[in-house]
């Protein structure tokens, strides 16, 4: 397993250990290694103080991003590594960051401040070794993280109420881990997050949005929404209250691919007015790409065409094929789950999907950019620059879509010449 690590991780651990410090992998990377997954990133912790870390890596790019909390970002071989000094946190007045931190030499004390048991484990590099293999038997696990990992449980370290009061975003993080890992939430942890869900209202929307999208993209998202709709309603007011509606919504999410954007659109599907729809996305501080895609899905849904080829082509002039196919996916899931009425039948949606795929496979002409002539070609016929050029191109495209003209340059130029001479 160690051979799969980036060399930079081993280099950093060895350098810390050779200098006489305890050098540990901590948190999510240990959880992933125990689960047989390749970690996406590696966090390191050590009893080395921040100034000692800076001195040890003074030949590397170092970014002093969180010195007040004991964190130094070291860039080794283009790999960014956060190295954090073992610490004990003080109180959390702002419910996000500790007011004070106290450095310690004890890894167990450091692990006790972490959110969930599956993230409160560490593995120390053996001193004097230039190579080492990750062995679960060597994992430092004072809070039963390995047991919870085997039992597929998300459990807070210590008192759940205290953990959520320190940082309310941990409420959404618990739901996110349950969704992404398909875990259950341990009963005391579940009860505490339900009781303290109101604290999410004070969390920065950007942080909420990040966790929400990770949650929605997980394979267990439907189960989490079904079990914790009351919690999610704090950040998404359009989550239904009625238990039957929640069950149908969860069924809709389960029928969609594990794509956060599609599931966000499904959660907001009950919002009918475009202004309200945009307002919901703005309140979440959505990134521009997500906002554009979700609004595009809503717009396409409101004007699905009849499944004949010309109508579909005209529709695709306003909705890209990608957005159109996603719209059909959402509507098909809504129909199958019974969540909110749909004016479309399964056969209509299937026919529409078939037409779109046919148009894409044939590279059929349905946009101005697909036309075999351009504005420059019309100018060469003697037209003057202006809106008339665009209008004529639009009429030519309409005739190609209707099957009245072939999309060939000579035929289109001949038709354009007729119009100019008329």
Protein backbone atom coordinates (compact mmCIF):
# COMPACT_ATOMS: atom_id res chain seq x y z
CA UNK A 1 0.00 0.00 0.00
CA UNK A 2 2.85 2.40 0.83
CA UNK A 3 4.17 2.06 -2.70
CA UNK A 4 1.02 3.83 -3.93
CA UNK A 5 1.83 6.97 -1.96
CA UNK A 6 3.38 9.95 -3.69
CA UNK A 7 7.12 10.03 -3.06
CA UNK A 8 6.66 13.49 -1.55
CA UNK A 9 4.62 12.02 1.32
CA UNK A 10 7.35 9.52 2.21
CA UNK A 11 10.02 12.21 1.87
CA UNK A 12 8.21 14.51 4.31
CA UNK A 13 7.59 11.73 6.85
CA UNK A 14 11.19 10.52 6.69
CA UNK A 15 12.60 14.03 7.06
CA UNK A 16 10.49 14.67 10.16
CA UNK A 17 11.29 11.27 11.67
CA UNK A 18 15.03 11.56 10.96
CA UNK A 19 15.02 14.89 12.81
CA UNK A 20 13.72 13.10 15.90
CA UNK A 21 10.05 14.04 15.61
CA UNK A 22 6.96 11.85 15.53
CA UNK A 23 5.65 11.96 11.97
CA UNK A 24 2.11 10.72 11.32
CA UNK A 25 -0.44 10.34 8.60
CA UNK A 26 -3.76 11.48 10.06
CA UNK A 27 -7.43 11.77 9.24
CA UNK A 28 -9.04 10.88 5.96
CA UNK A 29 -5.97 9.34 4.34
CA UNK A 30 -5.70 6.78 7.17
CA UNK A 31 -9.41 6.04 6.83
CA UNK A 32 -9.02 5.51 3.09
CA UNK A 33 -5.95 3.29 3.46
CA UNK A 34 -7.80 1.11 5.97
CA UNK A 35 -10.69 0.86 3.50
CA UNK A 36 -8.40 -0.17 0.66
CA UNK A 37 -8.88 3.10 -1.24
CA UNK A 38 -6.15 5.31 -2.62
CA UNK A 39 -6.29 8.63 -0.70
CA UNK A 40 -6.87 11.73 -2.79
CA UNK A 41 -4.69 13.75 -0.43
CA UNK A 42 -2.48 13.20 2.60
CA UNK A 43 -2.49 15.19 5.83
CA UNK A 44 0.50 14.95 8.15
CA UNK A 45 0.76 15.70 11.87
CA UNK A 46 3.83 15.92 14.07
CA UNK A 47 5.07 17.02 17.46
CA UNK A 48 7.40 19.40 15.59
CA UNK A 49 6.42 23.00 16.26
CA UNK A 50 5.58 25.20 13.26
CA UNK A 51 8.92 27.02 13.40
CA UNK A 52 10.71 23.65 13.44
CA UNK A 53 8.75 22.49 10.41
CA UNK A 54 9.66 25.72 8.60
CA UNK A 55 13.33 25.15 9.40
CA UNK A 56 13.25 21.50 8.29
CA UNK A 57 11.73 22.38 4.92
CA UNK A 58 13.47 25.68 4.27
CA UNK A 59 14.76 24.28 0.96
CA UNK A 60 11.19 23.76 -0.28
CA UNK A 61 8.28 26.01 -1.17
CA UNK A 62 6.48 26.74 2.09
CA UNK A 63 3.19 28.59 2.47
CA UNK A 64 2.41 29.89 5.95
CA UNK A 65 -1.35 29.48 5.63
CA UNK A 66 -2.31 28.54 9.18
CA UNK A 67 0.61 29.12 11.51
CA UNK A 68 -1.67 30.37 14.29
CA UNK A 69 -3.31 26.93 14.28
CA UNK A 70 -0.05 25.06 13.83
CA UNK A 71 -0.37 24.29 10.12
CA UNK A 72 2.38 24.71 7.54
CA UNK A 73 1.78 23.96 3.85
CA UNK A 74 4.87 22.41 2.29
CA UNK A 75 5.06 21.85 -1.48
CA UNK A 76 7.30 18.87 -2.27
CA UNK A 77 7.71 17.80 -5.91
CA UNK A 78 4.63 19.88 -6.75
CA UNK A 79 2.59 17.97 -4.13
CA UNK A 80 1.04 20.24 -1.44
CA UNK A 81 1.21 18.70 2.04
CA UNK A 82 -0.30 20.18 5.19
CA UNK A 83 1.83 19.47 8.25
CA UNK A 84 0.07 20.34 11.50
CA UNK A 85 1.56 20.33 14.97
CA UNK A 86 -0.20 18.11 17.52
CA UNK A 87 -2.56 20.44 19.33
CA UNK A 88 -5.44 20.80 21.75
CA UNK A 89 -8.14 23.32 20.81
CA UNK A 90 -9.65 25.94 23.07
CA UNK A 91 -13.25 27.16 22.85
CA UNK A 92 -14.95 27.91 19.52
CA UNK A 93 -16.64 31.29 19.95
CA UNK A 94 -17.38 31.69 16.24
CA UNK A 95 -18.41 28.02 15.82
CA UNK A 96 -15.79 27.55 13.12
CA UNK A 97 -12.24 27.95 14.42
CA UNK A 98 -10.78 27.56 17.91
CA UNK A 99 -10.09 30.82 19.74
CA UNK A 100 -6.80 29.39 20.98
CA UNK A 101 -4.70 26.28 20.40
CA UNK A 102 -2.16 24.66 22.68
CA UNK A 103 0.57 22.54 21.16
CA UNK A 104 1.18 19.12 22.65
CA UNK A 105 3.54 16.18 22.21
CA UNK A 106 0.71 13.64 22.41
CA UNK A 107 -0.95 12.37 19.25
CA UNK A 108 -3.89 11.02 21.27
CA UNK A 109 -4.65 14.51 22.58
CA UNK A 110 -4.57 15.79 19.01
CA UNK A 111 -6.92 13.07 17.77
CA UNK A 112 -9.40 13.85 20.55
CA UNK A 113 -10.26 17.22 18.96
CA UNK A 114 -11.29 15.72 15.62
CA UNK A 115 -14.84 15.36 14.35
CA UNK A 116 -15.57 11.65 13.80
CA UNK A 117 -13.91 8.46 14.96
CA UNK A 118 -13.24 7.33 11.39
CA UNK A 119 -11.20 10.53 10.94
CA UNK A 120 -9.49 10.35 14.35
CA UNK A 121 -6.80 7.79 13.53
CA UNK A 122 -3.10 8.14 12.81
CA UNK A 123 -0.20 6.07 11.55
CA UNK A 124 3.37 6.96 12.53
CA UNK A 125 6.37 6.51 10.26
CA UNK A 126 8.94 4.28 12.02
CA UNK A 127 12.06 6.24 12.90
CA UNK A 128 15.27 5.21 11.21
CA UNK A 129 13.44 3.57 8.29
CA UNK A 130 13.74 4.64 4.66
CA UNK A 131 10.77 2.49 3.66
CA UNK A 132 7.70 1.29 5.50
CA UNK A 133 4.47 -0.52 4.78
CA UNK A 134 1.13 0.63 6.11
CA UNK A 135 -0.12 -1.98 8.59
CA UNK A 136 -3.58 -1.62 10.20
CA UNK A 137 -2.12 -3.16 13.37
CA UNK A 138 0.10 -0.09 13.75
CA UNK A 139 -2.72 2.44 13.47
CA UNK A 140 -3.14 4.72 16.49
CA UNK A 141 -6.87 4.45 17.17
CA UNK A 142 -7.90 5.64 20.64
CA UNK A 143 -11.60 6.13 19.81
CA UNK A 144 -12.55 2.96 17.97
CA UNK A 145 -12.38 4.31 14.44
CA UNK A 146 -11.48 0.96 12.91
CA UNK A 147 -14.46 -0.70 14.58
CA UNK A 148 -16.79 2.02 13.29
CA UNK A 149 -15.22 1.69 9.85
CA UNK A 150 -15.97 -2.04 9.82
CA UNK A 151 -19.49 -1.42 11.11
CA UNK A 152 -19.95 1.42 8.59
CA UNK A 153 -20.83 4.02 11.21
CA UNK A 154 -20.30 7.77 11.43
CA UNK A 155 -19.78 8.54 15.13
CA UNK A 156 -18.59 11.73 16.78
CA UNK A 157 -15.43 11.74 18.88
CA UNK A 158 -16.50 12.39 22.46
CA UNK A 159 -19.76 14.27 23.04
CA UNK A 160 -21.65 14.87 19.76
CA UNK A 161 -23.29 18.04 21.10
CA UNK A 162 -19.88 19.55 21.84
CA UNK A 163 -18.47 18.61 18.43
CA UNK A 164 -21.40 20.23 16.59
CA UNK A 165 -21.40 23.28 18.84
CA UNK A 166 -17.70 23.81 18.04
CA UNK A 167 -18.34 23.80 14.30
CA UNK A 168 -21.90 23.44 13.06
CA UNK A 169 -20.68 22.49 9.58
CA UNK A 170 -19.83 19.10 11.10
CA UNK A 171 -23.57 18.40 10.97
CA UNK A 172 -23.45 18.46 7.17
CA UNK A 173 -20.08 16.70 7.17
CA UNK A 174 -21.66 13.79 9.05
CA UNK A 175 -24.40 13.57 6.42
CA UNK A 176 -21.83 13.89 3.65
CA UNK A 177 -19.76 10.98 4.97
CA UNK A 178 -22.93 8.90 5.34
CA UNK A 179 -23.78 9.65 1.70
CA UNK A 180 -20.34 9.26 0.13
CA UNK A 181 -19.35 6.15 2.13
CA UNK A 182 -22.91 4.72 2.35
CA UNK A 183 -22.58 4.57 6.15
CA UNK A 184 -25.18 4.86 8.88
CA UNK A 185 -25.00 7.62 11.48
CA UNK A 186 -24.60 6.33 15.03
CA UNK A 187 -27.80 7.00 17.06
CA UNK A 188 -26.37 9.51 19.57
CA UNK A 189 -24.65 11.40 16.77
CA UNK A 190 -27.85 11.35 14.70
CA UNK A 191 -29.93 12.63 17.61
CA UNK A 192 -27.48 15.46 18.33
CA UNK A 193 -27.25 16.66 14.74
CA UNK A 194 -31.04 16.65 14.41
CA UNK A 195 -31.37 18.63 17.64
CA UNK A 196 -28.69 21.16 16.67
CA UNK A 197 -29.53 21.46 12.96
CA UNK A 198 -30.65 25.07 13.47
CA UNK A 199 -26.98 25.98 13.98
CA UNK A 200 -26.45 25.47 10.24
CA UNK A 201 -28.30 28.73 9.60
CA UNK A 202 -25.27 30.64 10.93
CA UNK A 203 -22.68 28.80 8.80
CA UNK A 204 -21.24 30.63 5.78
CA UNK A 205 -23.22 29.68 2.69
CA UNK A 206 -20.06 28.88 0.72
CA UNK A 207 -19.10 26.21 3.27
CA UNK A 208 -22.64 24.82 3.30
CA UNK A 209 -22.73 24.65 -0.50
CA UNK A 210 -19.43 22.77 -0.69
CA UNK A 211 -20.57 20.08 1.75
CA UNK A 212 -24.06 19.90 0.24
CA UNK A 213 -22.72 19.19 -3.24
CA UNK A 214 -20.40 16.47 -1.93
CA UNK A 215 -23.38 14.95 -0.11
CA UNK A 216 -25.63 15.06 -3.18
CA UNK A 217 -22.97 13.43 -5.34
CA UNK A 218 -22.65 10.43 -3.03
CA UNK A 219 -24.18 7.00 -3.72
CA UNK A 220 -26.09 7.18 -0.43
CA UNK A 221 -27.62 10.62 -1.00
CA UNK A 222 -31.20 9.34 -1.31
CA UNK A 223 -31.03 7.49 2.01
CA UNK A 224 -29.56 10.53 3.76
CA UNK A 225 -32.28 12.83 2.41
CA UNK A 226 -34.96 10.35 3.47
CA UNK A 227 -33.58 10.05 7.01
CA UNK A 228 -32.53 13.67 7.62
CA UNK A 229 -34.94 15.82 5.61
CA UNK A 230 -35.59 18.01 8.66
CA UNK A 231 -31.88 18.79 8.94
CA UNK A 232 -31.46 19.55 5.24
CA UNK A 233 -34.51 21.82 5.29
CA UNK A 234 -32.47 24.32 7.33
CA UNK A 235 -30.26 24.95 4.28
CA UNK A 236 -32.77 23.94 1.57
CA UNK A 237 -36.23 25.21 2.55
CA UNK A 238 -37.84 23.46 -0.44
CA UNK A 239 -37.21 20.00 0.98
CA UNK A 240 -40.78 18.81 1.66
CA UNK A 241 -42.22 18.43 5.14
CA UNK A 242 -44.68 15.62 4.44
CA UNK A 243 -43.10 12.21 5.03
CA UNK A 244 -44.68 10.69 1.92
CA UNK A 245 -43.32 13.52 -0.23
CA UNK A 246 -39.89 13.06 1.34
CA UNK A 247 -40.02 9.36 0.49
CA UNK A 248 -40.90 10.14 -3.12
CA UNK A 249 -38.16 12.77 -3.33
CA UNK A 250 -35.65 10.22 -2.05
CA UNK A 251 -36.92 7.78 -4.67
CA UNK A 252 -36.35 10.41 -7.35
CA UNK A 253 -32.78 11.05 -6.17
CA UNK A 254 -32.06 7.31 -6.10
CA UNK A 255 -33.06 7.04 -9.77
CA UNK A 256 -30.62 9.75 -10.84
CA UNK A 257 -26.89 9.24 -11.48
CA UNK A 258 -24.51 10.20 -8.67
CA UNK A 259 -24.23 13.74 -10.01
CA UNK A 260 -24.69 16.58 -7.56
CA UNK A 261 -25.98 19.08 -10.14
CA UNK A 262 -28.82 16.80 -11.25
CA UNK A 263 -29.83 16.05 -7.68
CA UNK A 264 -29.73 19.72 -6.73
CA UNK A 265 -32.07 20.42 -9.64
CA UNK A 266 -34.33 17.63 -8.39
CA UNK A 267 -34.39 19.09 -4.87
CA UNK A 268 -35.40 22.46 -6.29
CA UNK A 269 -37.90 21.03 -8.77
CA UNK A 270 -40.90 22.24 -6.76
CA UNK A 271 -39.80 25.85 -7.31
CA UNK A 272 -41.77 27.02 -10.32
CA UNK A 273 -40.95 30.72 -10.65
CA UNK A 274 -37.58 31.45 -12.35
CA UNK A 275 -36.91 34.36 -9.97
CA UNK A 276 -37.41 32.11 -6.95
CA UNK A 277 -35.29 29.40 -8.55
CA UNK A 278 -32.42 31.80 -9.12
CA UNK A 279 -32.86 33.18 -5.62
CA UNK A 280 -32.43 29.74 -4.08
CA UNK A 281 -29.23 29.18 -6.04
CA UNK A 282 -27.93 32.61 -5.08
CA UNK A 283 -28.62 31.95 -1.41
CA UNK A 284 -26.46 28.82 -1.65
CA UNK A 285 -23.64 30.81 -3.25
CA UNK A 286 -23.54 28.37 -6.17
CA UNK A 287 -20.63 28.54 -8.56
CA UNK A 288 -21.49 29.97 -11.96
CA UNK A 289 -21.31 26.67 -13.87
CA UNK A 290 -23.71 24.93 -11.48
CA UNK A 291 -26.10 27.88 -11.47
CA UNK A 292 -26.16 28.01 -15.28
CA UNK A 293 -26.73 24.27 -15.59
CA UNK A 294 -29.51 24.07 -13.00
CA UNK A 295 -31.31 27.10 -14.44
CA UNK A 296 -30.90 25.56 -17.90
CA UNK A 297 -32.56 22.37 -16.68
CA UNK A 298 -35.48 24.37 -15.27
CA UNK A 299 -35.89 26.33 -18.50
CA UNK A 300 -35.77 23.20 -20.67
CA UNK A 301 -38.27 21.42 -18.43
CA UNK A 302 -40.82 24.19 -18.94
CA UNK A 303 -40.76 23.94 -22.73
CA UNK A 304 -40.17 20.32 -23.74
CA UNK A 305 -41.09 19.98 -27.44
CA UNK A 306 -43.14 17.43 -29.30
CA UNK A 307 -40.83 14.55 -30.26
CA UNK A 308 -40.82 15.27 -34.02
CA UNK A 309 -37.44 16.07 -35.53
CA UNK A 310 -37.94 19.76 -36.52
CA UNK A 311 -39.42 20.66 -33.12
CA UNK A 312 -36.57 18.95 -31.29
CA UNK A 313 -33.98 20.74 -33.42
CA UNK A 314 -35.57 24.13 -32.71
CA UNK A 315 -35.59 23.25 -29.00
CA UNK A 316 -31.90 22.35 -29.10
CA UNK A 317 -31.13 25.83 -30.43
CA UNK A 318 -32.01 27.05 -26.92
CA UNK A 319 -31.03 24.01 -24.83
CA UNK A 320 -27.77 22.20 -25.53
CA UNK A 321 -28.09 18.43 -26.04
CA UNK A 322 -26.30 17.84 -22.73
CA UNK A 323 -28.77 19.99 -20.78
CA UNK A 324 -31.68 18.51 -22.74
CA UNK A 325 -30.69 14.93 -21.92
CA UNK A 326 -30.18 15.84 -18.25
CA UNK A 327 -33.64 17.42 -18.23
CA UNK A 328 -35.14 14.20 -19.53
CA UNK A 329 -33.28 12.21 -16.86
CA UNK A 330 -34.74 14.40 -14.11
CA UNK A 331 -38.26 14.18 -15.56
CA UNK A 332 -38.03 10.40 -15.96
CA UNK A 333 -36.93 10.09 -12.33
CA UNK A 334 -39.78 12.37 -11.22
CA UNK A 335 -42.33 10.27 -13.10
CA UNK A 336 -41.00 6.95 -11.82
CA UNK A 337 -40.95 8.14 -8.19
CA UNK A 338 -44.25 10.00 -8.25
CA UNK A 339 -42.56 13.11 -6.85
CA UNK A 340 -44.61 16.09 -8.11
CA UNK A 341 -46.79 15.80 -11.22
CA UNK A 342 -45.23 15.84 -14.67
CA UNK A 343 -47.08 16.82 -17.86
CA UNK A 344 -45.06 14.28 -19.83
CA UNK A 345 -45.53 10.54 -20.25
CA UNK A 346 -42.69 7.99 -20.14
CA UNK A 347 -43.20 7.31 -23.85
CA UNK A 348 -42.94 11.01 -24.71
CA UNK A 349 -39.71 11.35 -22.79
CA UNK A 350 -38.26 8.17 -24.32
CA UNK A 351 -39.14 9.38 -27.84
CA UNK A 352 -37.59 12.77 -27.12
CA UNK A 353 -34.40 11.18 -25.82
CA UNK A 354 -34.20 8.98 -28.92
CA UNK A 355 -34.57 12.01 -31.20
CA UNK A 356 -31.82 13.93 -29.41
CA UNK A 357 -29.42 11.00 -29.64
CA UNK A 358 -30.30 10.60 -33.32
CA UNK A 359 -29.52 14.27 -33.99
CA UNK A 360 -26.19 13.99 -32.18
CA UNK A 361 -25.22 10.75 -33.92
CA UNK A 362 -25.97 12.22 -37.35
CA UNK A 363 -24.29 15.57 -36.60
CA UNK A 364 -27.52 17.11 -37.85
CA UNK A 365 -27.79 20.84 -38.40
CA UNK A 366 -29.77 22.66 -35.70
CA UNK A 367 -27.60 25.69 -34.80
CA UNK A 368 -26.32 28.63 -36.81
CA UNK A 369 -22.81 27.32 -36.29
CA UNK A 370 -23.85 24.09 -38.05
CA UNK A 371 -24.90 25.91 -41.23
CA UNK A 372 -22.68 25.40 -44.26
CA UNK A 373 -22.67 29.18 -44.81
CA UNK A 374 -21.64 32.04 -42.54
CA UNK A 375 -22.18 35.76 -42.29
CA UNK A 376 -19.00 36.34 -44.29
CA UNK A 377 -20.44 34.30 -47.15
CA UNK A 378 -23.54 36.52 -47.20
CA UNK A 379 -21.41 39.67 -47.16
CA UNK A 380 -19.62 38.38 -50.23
CA UNK A 381 -23.02 38.21 -51.95
CA UNK A 382 -23.30 41.96 -51.47
CA UNK A 383 -25.17 42.23 -48.16
CA UNK A 384 -24.26 45.10 -45.89
CA UNK A 385 -23.12 44.31 -42.33
CA UNK A 386 -25.96 44.48 -39.82
CA UNK A 387 -28.82 42.59 -38.24
CA UNK A 388 -30.23 41.63 -41.62
CA UNK A 389 -27.34 39.17 -42.03
CA UNK A 390 -28.30 37.35 -38.84
CA UNK A 391 -31.98 37.33 -39.77
CA UNK A 392 -31.25 35.78 -43.16
CA UNK A 393 -29.03 33.13 -41.59
CA UNK A 394 -31.88 32.36 -39.19
CA UNK A 395 -34.35 31.90 -42.05
CA UNK A 396 -31.92 29.61 -43.87
CA UNK A 397 -31.50 27.55 -40.70
CA UNK A 398 -35.30 27.30 -40.30
CA UNK A 399 -35.60 25.89 -43.81
CA UNK A 400 -32.80 23.40 -43.26
CA UNK A 401 -34.43 22.22 -40.03
CA UNK A 402 -37.81 21.92 -41.81
CA UNK A 403 -36.20 19.79 -44.52
CA UNK A 404 -36.88 22.39 -47.23
CA UNK A 405 -33.19 22.97 -47.98
CA UNK A 406 -30.12 20.73 -47.80
CA UNK A 407 -27.31 21.98 -45.60
CA UNK A 408 -24.96 22.47 -48.55
CA UNK A 409 -23.15 25.70 -49.24
CA UNK A 410 -24.14 26.07 -52.88
CA UNK A 411 -27.83 25.44 -52.14
CA UNK A 412 -27.86 27.88 -49.24
CA UNK A 413 -26.07 30.59 -51.19
CA UNK A 414 -28.50 30.15 -54.09
CA UNK A 415 -31.46 30.55 -51.72
CA UNK A 416 -29.85 33.59 -50.11
CA UNK A 417 -29.29 35.14 -53.55
CA UNK A 418 -32.98 34.66 -54.39
CA UNK A 419 -34.00 36.49 -51.24
CA UNK A 420 -31.63 39.35 -51.95
CA UNK A 421 -32.96 39.72 -55.49
CA UNK A 422 -36.61 39.56 -54.44
